[in-house]
Amino acid sequence: MASLLVRNIDQLVKPDELREFFSKFGDVCDVYIPRDYYTQKSRGFCYVKFLKYDDAREALEKTDGNEVLGKTVEIVFVKEERKAPHEETDLDIDHQAPQEEDTTAEVIVGHHHGIIGETLIQVQGNNILL
C-alpha cells in the first residue's frame, strides 16, 4: 500500500469524488479529508491510499501540478501514516520556559466543548509559580 498527500483541494470536494477521480490509476483503499476541529470545513488537503505502490506513483506522476476537480494540486508521497484526528494540530508549541526574565502569562485550559477555566502563572527560570 502507498498513500499520497494531495494539497490544495477544493474546499467543497467530497471523498467519493476524489475516490472516483483517483480510481482511474488503480484500486483506492481510502480517501481522508482532514477537517478543521471547530468549523468542520476542509483544511484544503487530503490523503489518498492506494492498494499498490505503482498505482500511487502513476497518480502522482500524472496528476501533480495539474487540475483535480477544479483546483491545481500538489501531490507527494506520505512518509508516515496519517495522524488520528486528536493528534493533528496547527499549533507550533515551544515547550521551553523563558530563561532570562520573569514572565507572567495567561493560561487558558480548554477541552473540546469550550473553555473550562483560566489562571495566571508566574514563570521564574524553569519554575512555574501559581
N, C-alpha and C. Protein backbone atom coordinates (compact mmCIF):
# COMPACT_ATOMS: atom_id res chain seq x y z
N MET A 1 0.84 -1.18 0.00
CA MET A 1 0.00 0.00 0.00
C MET A 1 0.88 1.24 0.00
N ALA A 2 0.33 2.33 -0.54
CA ALA A 2 1.04 3.60 -0.57
C ALA A 2 0.02 4.72 -0.50
N SER A 3 0.39 5.78 0.24
CA SER A 3 -0.53 6.91 0.40
C SER A 3 0.06 8.17 -0.19
N LEU A 4 -0.82 8.99 -0.74
CA LEU A 4 -0.44 10.29 -1.28
C LEU A 4 -1.08 11.39 -0.46
N LEU A 5 -0.35 12.48 -0.29
CA LEU A 5 -0.88 13.70 0.30
C LEU A 5 -1.18 14.63 -0.86
N VAL A 6 -2.43 15.03 -0.99
CA VAL A 6 -2.86 15.89 -2.08
C VAL A 6 -3.20 17.25 -1.48
N ARG A 7 -2.40 18.27 -1.82
CA ARG A 7 -2.59 19.62 -1.27
C ARG A 7 -3.37 20.49 -2.25
N ASN A 8 -4.08 21.46 -1.71
CA ASN A 8 -4.82 22.47 -2.47
C ASN A 8 -6.07 21.92 -3.13
N ILE A 9 -6.77 21.02 -2.44
CA ILE A 9 -8.03 20.53 -3.00
C ILE A 9 -9.12 21.57 -2.76
N ASP A 10 -10.14 21.52 -3.57
CA ASP A 10 -11.28 22.42 -3.42
C ASP A 10 -11.95 22.17 -2.06
N GLN A 11 -12.35 23.24 -1.39
CA GLN A 11 -12.97 23.15 -0.06
C GLN A 11 -14.26 22.33 -0.06
N LEU A 12 -14.94 22.27 -1.18
CA LEU A 12 -16.24 21.61 -1.23
C LEU A 12 -16.20 20.19 -1.79
N VAL A 13 -15.02 19.73 -2.21
CA VAL A 13 -14.93 18.39 -2.80
C VAL A 13 -15.20 17.33 -1.75
N LYS A 14 -15.83 16.25 -2.17
CA LYS A 14 -16.21 15.16 -1.26
C LYS A 14 -15.28 13.95 -1.46
N PRO A 15 -15.10 13.13 -0.42
CA PRO A 15 -14.23 11.95 -0.54
C PRO A 15 -14.61 11.04 -1.71
N ASP A 16 -15.91 10.85 -1.95
CA ASP A 16 -16.34 9.98 -3.06
C ASP A 16 -15.90 10.53 -4.41
N GLU A 17 -15.91 11.86 -4.56
CA GLU A 17 -15.47 12.47 -5.82
C GLU A 17 -13.97 12.23 -6.02
N LEU A 18 -13.19 12.36 -4.94
CA LEU A 18 -11.75 12.12 -5.04
C LEU A 18 -11.46 10.64 -5.31
N ARG A 19 -12.20 9.76 -4.65
CA ARG A 19 -12.03 8.31 -4.87
C ARG A 19 -12.28 7.98 -6.35
N GLU A 20 -13.36 8.53 -6.90
CA GLU A 20 -13.69 8.27 -8.30
C GLU A 20 -12.59 8.79 -9.22
N PHE A 21 -12.09 10.00 -8.95
CA PHE A 21 -11.03 10.59 -9.77
C PHE A 21 -9.77 9.74 -9.75
N PHE A 22 -9.30 9.37 -8.55
CA PHE A 22 -8.03 8.65 -8.42
C PHE A 22 -8.15 7.16 -8.76
N SER A 23 -9.35 6.62 -8.79
CA SER A 23 -9.54 5.20 -9.11
C SER A 23 -9.12 4.87 -10.54
N LYS A 24 -9.02 5.86 -11.41
CA LYS A 24 -8.57 5.57 -12.78
C LYS A 24 -7.10 5.15 -12.82
N PHE A 25 -6.37 5.36 -11.70
CA PHE A 25 -4.97 4.95 -11.63
C PHE A 25 -4.80 3.59 -10.94
N GLY A 26 -5.83 3.11 -10.26
CA GLY A 26 -5.76 1.82 -9.57
C GLY A 26 -6.72 1.77 -8.41
N ASP A 27 -6.64 0.69 -7.64
CA ASP A 27 -7.54 0.49 -6.51
C ASP A 27 -7.23 1.46 -5.37
N VAL A 28 -8.22 2.26 -4.99
CA VAL A 28 -8.09 3.21 -3.88
C VAL A 28 -8.71 2.58 -2.64
N CYS A 29 -7.91 2.44 -1.58
CA CYS A 29 -8.39 1.84 -0.33
C CYS A 29 -9.12 2.84 0.55
N ASP A 30 -8.65 4.10 0.53
CA ASP A 30 -9.19 5.08 1.46
C ASP A 30 -8.93 6.49 0.95
N VAL A 31 -9.86 7.38 1.21
CA VAL A 31 -9.69 8.82 0.97
C VAL A 31 -10.11 9.51 2.25
N TYR A 32 -9.22 10.35 2.76
CA TYR A 32 -9.50 11.05 4.02
C TYR A 32 -9.24 12.53 3.84
N ILE A 33 -10.24 13.35 4.17
CA ILE A 33 -10.11 14.81 4.11
C ILE A 33 -10.14 15.33 5.54
N PRO A 34 -9.00 15.78 6.08
CA PRO A 34 -9.00 16.36 7.43
C PRO A 34 -9.85 17.62 7.47
N ARG A 35 -10.54 17.80 8.57
CA ARG A 35 -11.42 18.95 8.73
C ARG A 35 -10.98 19.78 9.93
N ASP A 36 -11.23 21.08 9.85
CA ASP A 36 -10.95 21.97 10.96
C ASP A 36 -11.79 21.54 12.15
N TYR A 37 -11.18 21.49 13.31
CA TYR A 37 -11.84 21.00 14.51
C TYR A 37 -13.09 21.80 14.85
N TYR A 38 -13.02 23.13 14.70
CA TYR A 38 -14.12 24.00 15.13
C TYR A 38 -15.15 24.23 14.03
N THR A 39 -14.69 24.48 12.80
CA THR A 39 -15.64 24.81 11.73
C THR A 39 -16.11 23.59 10.94
N GLN A 40 -15.39 22.49 11.05
CA GLN A 40 -15.66 21.27 10.29
C GLN A 40 -15.50 21.46 8.78
N LYS A 41 -14.85 22.56 8.36
CA LYS A 41 -14.57 22.78 6.95
C LYS A 41 -13.29 22.04 6.58
N SER A 42 -13.18 21.68 5.32
CA SER A 42 -11.98 21.02 4.81
C SER A 42 -10.77 21.90 5.08
N ARG A 43 -9.65 21.27 5.41
CA ARG A 43 -8.40 22.00 5.63
C ARG A 43 -7.63 22.19 4.33
N GLY A 44 -8.22 21.76 3.21
CA GLY A 44 -7.63 22.03 1.90
C GLY A 44 -6.65 20.97 1.41
N PHE A 45 -6.60 19.83 2.07
CA PHE A 45 -5.75 18.73 1.60
C PHE A 45 -6.42 17.41 1.95
N CYS A 46 -5.91 16.34 1.35
CA CYS A 46 -6.47 15.02 1.64
C CYS A 46 -5.39 13.96 1.51
N TYR A 47 -5.70 12.78 2.00
CA TYR A 47 -4.85 11.60 1.85
C TYR A 47 -5.58 10.60 0.98
N VAL A 48 -4.87 10.04 0.02
CA VAL A 48 -5.44 9.01 -0.84
C VAL A 48 -4.55 7.78 -0.71
N LYS A 49 -5.12 6.67 -0.24
CA LYS A 49 -4.35 5.44 -0.05
C LYS A 49 -4.68 4.45 -1.17
N PHE A 50 -3.62 4.01 -1.85
CA PHE A 50 -3.75 3.04 -2.94
C PHE A 50 -3.34 1.65 -2.46
N LEU A 51 -3.94 0.64 -3.05
CA LEU A 51 -3.59 -0.74 -2.73
C LEU A 51 -2.16 -1.06 -3.20
N LYS A 52 -1.77 -0.51 -4.36
CA LYS A 52 -0.44 -0.80 -4.93
C LYS A 52 0.39 0.47 -5.04
N TYR A 53 1.67 0.34 -4.72
CA TYR A 53 2.61 1.45 -4.81
C TYR A 53 2.68 2.01 -6.23
N ASP A 54 2.75 1.12 -7.24
CA ASP A 54 2.88 1.57 -8.63
C ASP A 54 1.69 2.42 -9.07
N ASP A 55 0.51 2.11 -8.57
CA ASP A 55 -0.68 2.91 -8.90
C ASP A 55 -0.58 4.30 -8.28
N ALA A 56 -0.09 4.36 -7.05
CA ALA A 56 0.09 5.66 -6.39
C ALA A 56 1.13 6.49 -7.13
N ARG A 57 2.23 5.84 -7.54
CA ARG A 57 3.28 6.55 -8.28
C ARG A 57 2.74 7.10 -9.60
N GLU A 58 1.95 6.31 -10.31
CA GLU A 58 1.37 6.78 -11.57
C GLU A 58 0.43 7.97 -11.33
N ALA A 59 -0.38 7.89 -10.28
CA ALA A 59 -1.29 9.00 -9.95
C ALA A 59 -0.49 10.26 -9.66
N LEU A 60 0.59 10.13 -8.90
CA LEU A 60 1.43 11.28 -8.58
C LEU A 60 2.03 11.86 -9.86
N GLU A 61 2.64 11.01 -10.68
CA GLU A 61 3.32 11.48 -11.89
C GLU A 61 2.37 12.16 -12.87
N LYS A 62 1.16 11.66 -12.99
CA LYS A 62 0.22 12.19 -13.98
C LYS A 62 -0.66 13.32 -13.45
N THR A 63 -0.69 13.51 -12.13
CA THR A 63 -1.63 14.46 -11.55
C THR A 63 -0.96 15.64 -10.86
N ASP A 64 0.23 15.46 -10.29
CA ASP A 64 0.92 16.53 -9.56
C ASP A 64 1.10 17.75 -10.46
N GLY A 65 0.67 18.91 -9.98
CA GLY A 65 0.77 20.15 -10.74
C GLY A 65 -0.35 20.36 -11.73
N ASN A 66 -1.28 19.44 -11.79
CA ASN A 66 -2.41 19.54 -12.71
C ASN A 66 -3.71 19.79 -11.95
N GLU A 67 -4.77 20.03 -12.72
CA GLU A 67 -6.06 20.32 -12.11
C GLU A 67 -6.78 19.03 -11.71
N VAL A 68 -7.24 19.01 -10.47
CA VAL A 68 -8.04 17.90 -9.96
C VAL A 68 -9.33 18.49 -9.41
N LEU A 69 -10.44 18.19 -10.04
CA LEU A 69 -11.76 18.65 -9.61
C LEU A 69 -11.79 20.16 -9.35
N GLY A 70 -11.21 20.92 -10.28
CA GLY A 70 -11.31 22.37 -10.23
C GLY A 70 -10.15 23.13 -9.62
N LYS A 71 -9.15 22.46 -9.05
CA LYS A 71 -8.01 23.14 -8.42
C LYS A 71 -6.71 22.48 -8.86
N THR A 72 -5.67 23.30 -9.05
CA THR A 72 -4.34 22.78 -9.34
C THR A 72 -3.74 22.26 -8.05
N VAL A 73 -3.36 20.99 -8.03
CA VAL A 73 -2.93 20.34 -6.79
C VAL A 73 -1.42 20.07 -6.79
N GLU A 74 -0.91 19.90 -5.58
CA GLU A 74 0.47 19.46 -5.35
C GLU A 74 0.36 18.13 -4.62
N ILE A 75 1.08 17.12 -5.12
CA ILE A 75 0.97 15.77 -4.56
C ILE A 75 2.35 15.25 -4.19
N VAL A 76 2.44 14.63 -3.02
CA VAL A 76 3.67 13.99 -2.55
C VAL A 76 3.31 12.66 -1.90
N PHE A 77 4.31 11.76 -1.85
CA PHE A 77 4.11 10.52 -1.10
C PHE A 77 4.08 10.83 0.38
N VAL A 78 3.26 10.11 1.12
CA VAL A 78 3.20 10.24 2.58
C VAL A 78 4.32 9.38 3.14
N LYS A 79 5.14 9.98 4.02
CA LYS A 79 6.27 9.25 4.60
C LYS A 79 5.87 8.43 5.80
N GLU A 80 4.80 8.81 6.48
CA GLU A 80 4.32 8.05 7.63
C GLU A 80 2.81 8.02 7.59
N GLU A 81 2.22 7.12 8.33
CA GLU A 81 0.77 7.03 8.36
C GLU A 81 0.17 8.33 8.90
N ARG A 82 -1.02 8.66 8.42
CA ARG A 82 -1.65 9.89 8.88
C ARG A 82 -1.96 9.80 10.37
N LYS A 83 -2.02 10.97 10.99
CA LYS A 83 -2.29 11.04 12.42
C LYS A 83 -3.79 10.92 12.67
N ALA A 84 -4.11 10.40 13.83
CA ALA A 84 -5.51 10.37 14.25
C ALA A 84 -5.96 11.81 14.47
N PRO A 85 -7.25 12.10 14.32
CA PRO A 85 -7.73 13.48 14.47
C PRO A 85 -7.28 14.15 15.76
N HIS A 86 -7.22 13.40 16.88
CA HIS A 86 -6.83 14.04 18.14
C HIS A 86 -5.33 14.35 18.18
N GLU A 87 -4.55 13.82 17.22
CA GLU A 87 -3.12 14.10 17.17
C GLU A 87 -2.78 15.26 16.26
N GLU A 88 -3.72 15.67 15.41
CA GLU A 88 -3.48 16.75 14.47
C GLU A 88 -3.58 18.09 15.17
N THR A 89 -2.70 19.01 14.78
CA THR A 89 -2.75 20.36 15.33
C THR A 89 -2.07 21.32 14.38
N ASP A 90 -2.51 22.55 14.36
CA ASP A 90 -1.85 23.59 13.60
C ASP A 90 -0.95 24.42 14.51
N LEU A 91 -0.92 24.08 15.80
CA LEU A 91 -0.15 24.86 16.75
C LEU A 91 1.32 24.48 16.71
N ASP A 92 2.19 25.48 16.81
CA ASP A 92 3.62 25.25 16.94
C ASP A 92 3.95 25.63 18.37
N ILE A 93 4.16 24.64 19.22
CA ILE A 93 4.31 24.90 20.64
C ILE A 93 5.77 24.83 21.03
N ASP A 94 6.26 25.86 21.71
CA ASP A 94 7.61 25.87 22.26
C ASP A 94 7.49 25.45 23.71
N HIS A 95 8.05 24.30 24.05
CA HIS A 95 7.89 23.75 25.39
C HIS A 95 8.92 24.26 26.39
N GLN A 96 9.78 25.19 26.01
CA GLN A 96 10.79 25.68 26.93
C GLN A 96 10.33 26.98 27.57
N ALA A 97 10.51 27.07 28.89
CA ALA A 97 10.17 28.30 29.62
C ALA A 97 11.27 29.34 29.39
N PRO A 98 10.94 30.64 29.45
CA PRO A 98 11.95 31.68 29.33
C PRO A 98 13.03 31.51 30.40
N GLN A 99 14.29 31.74 30.05
CA GLN A 99 15.39 31.52 30.97
C GLN A 99 15.89 32.81 31.63
N GLU A 100 15.75 33.95 30.97
CA GLU A 100 16.43 35.15 31.44
C GLU A 100 15.59 36.08 32.29
N GLU A 101 14.31 36.08 32.15
CA GLU A 101 13.50 37.05 32.88
C GLU A 101 12.24 36.40 33.43
N ASP A 102 11.66 37.04 34.42
CA ASP A 102 10.38 36.58 34.95
C ASP A 102 9.28 37.00 33.99
N THR A 103 8.35 36.12 33.77
CA THR A 103 7.29 36.38 32.80
C THR A 103 5.95 35.98 33.40
N THR A 104 4.93 36.80 33.18
CA THR A 104 3.59 36.44 33.57
C THR A 104 2.83 36.09 32.30
N ALA A 105 2.13 34.98 32.33
CA ALA A 105 1.39 34.55 31.16
C ALA A 105 0.01 34.10 31.58
N GLU A 106 -0.95 34.31 30.69
CA GLU A 106 -2.29 33.82 30.95
C GLU A 106 -2.41 32.44 30.33
N VAL A 107 -2.88 31.50 31.11
CA VAL A 107 -3.07 30.14 30.63
C VAL A 107 -4.56 29.86 30.59
N ILE A 108 -5.04 29.44 29.44
CA ILE A 108 -6.44 29.08 29.31
C ILE A 108 -6.50 27.58 29.11
N VAL A 109 -7.20 26.92 29.98
CA VAL A 109 -7.33 25.47 29.91
C VAL A 109 -8.66 25.17 29.24
N GLY A 110 -8.63 24.35 28.21
CA GLY A 110 -9.87 24.06 27.50
C GLY A 110 -9.99 22.60 27.16
N HIS A 111 -11.12 22.24 26.67
CA HIS A 111 -11.36 20.90 26.17
C HIS A 111 -12.24 21.04 24.95
N HIS A 112 -12.65 19.95 24.34
CA HIS A 112 -13.35 20.03 23.07
C HIS A 112 -14.74 20.65 23.13
N HIS A 113 -15.25 20.96 24.32
CA HIS A 113 -16.56 21.62 24.40
C HIS A 113 -16.44 23.10 24.75
N GLY A 114 -15.23 23.61 24.86
CA GLY A 114 -15.04 25.02 25.14
C GLY A 114 -14.10 25.25 26.30
N ILE A 115 -13.98 26.49 26.70
CA ILE A 115 -13.06 26.86 27.76
C ILE A 115 -13.64 26.47 29.11
N ILE A 116 -12.82 25.84 29.96
CA ILE A 116 -13.32 25.43 31.27
C ILE A 116 -12.71 26.23 32.41
N GLY A 117 -11.69 27.01 32.14
CA GLY A 117 -11.11 27.80 33.22
C GLY A 117 -9.89 28.55 32.76
N GLU A 118 -9.42 29.49 33.56
CA GLU A 118 -8.21 30.22 33.24
C GLU A 118 -7.54 30.68 34.52
N THR A 119 -6.24 30.91 34.44
CA THR A 119 -5.49 31.35 35.61
C THR A 119 -4.24 32.09 35.15
N LEU A 120 -3.62 32.84 36.03
CA LEU A 120 -2.35 33.50 35.74
C LEU A 120 -1.24 32.71 36.40
N ILE A 121 -0.12 32.60 35.70
CA ILE A 121 1.04 31.94 36.29
C ILE A 121 2.25 32.85 36.19
N GLN A 122 3.21 32.62 37.02
CA GLN A 122 4.47 33.35 37.01
C GLN A 122 5.56 32.35 36.66
N VAL A 123 6.38 32.67 35.68
CA VAL A 123 7.49 31.80 35.31
C VAL A 123 8.77 32.44 35.82
N GLN A 124 9.51 31.71 36.63
CA GLN A 124 10.77 32.18 37.18
C GLN A 124 11.83 31.16 36.81
N GLY A 125 12.66 31.47 35.81
CA GLY A 125 13.63 30.49 35.33
C GLY A 125 12.89 29.29 34.78
N ASN A 126 13.17 28.13 35.34
CA ASN A 126 12.48 26.90 34.91
C ASN A 126 11.31 26.55 35.80
N ASN A 127 10.97 27.42 36.76
CA ASN A 127 9.90 27.14 37.72
C ASN A 127 8.62 27.88 37.35
N ILE A 128 7.50 27.23 37.51
CA ILE A 128 6.20 27.85 37.27
C ILE A 128 5.54 28.05 38.62
N LEU A 129 5.16 29.30 38.92
CA LEU A 129 4.53 29.64 40.19
C LEU A 129 3.06 29.96 39.93
N LEU A 130 2.17 29.35 40.67
CA LEU A 130 0.74 29.62 40.51
C LEU A 130 0.28 30.66 41.50
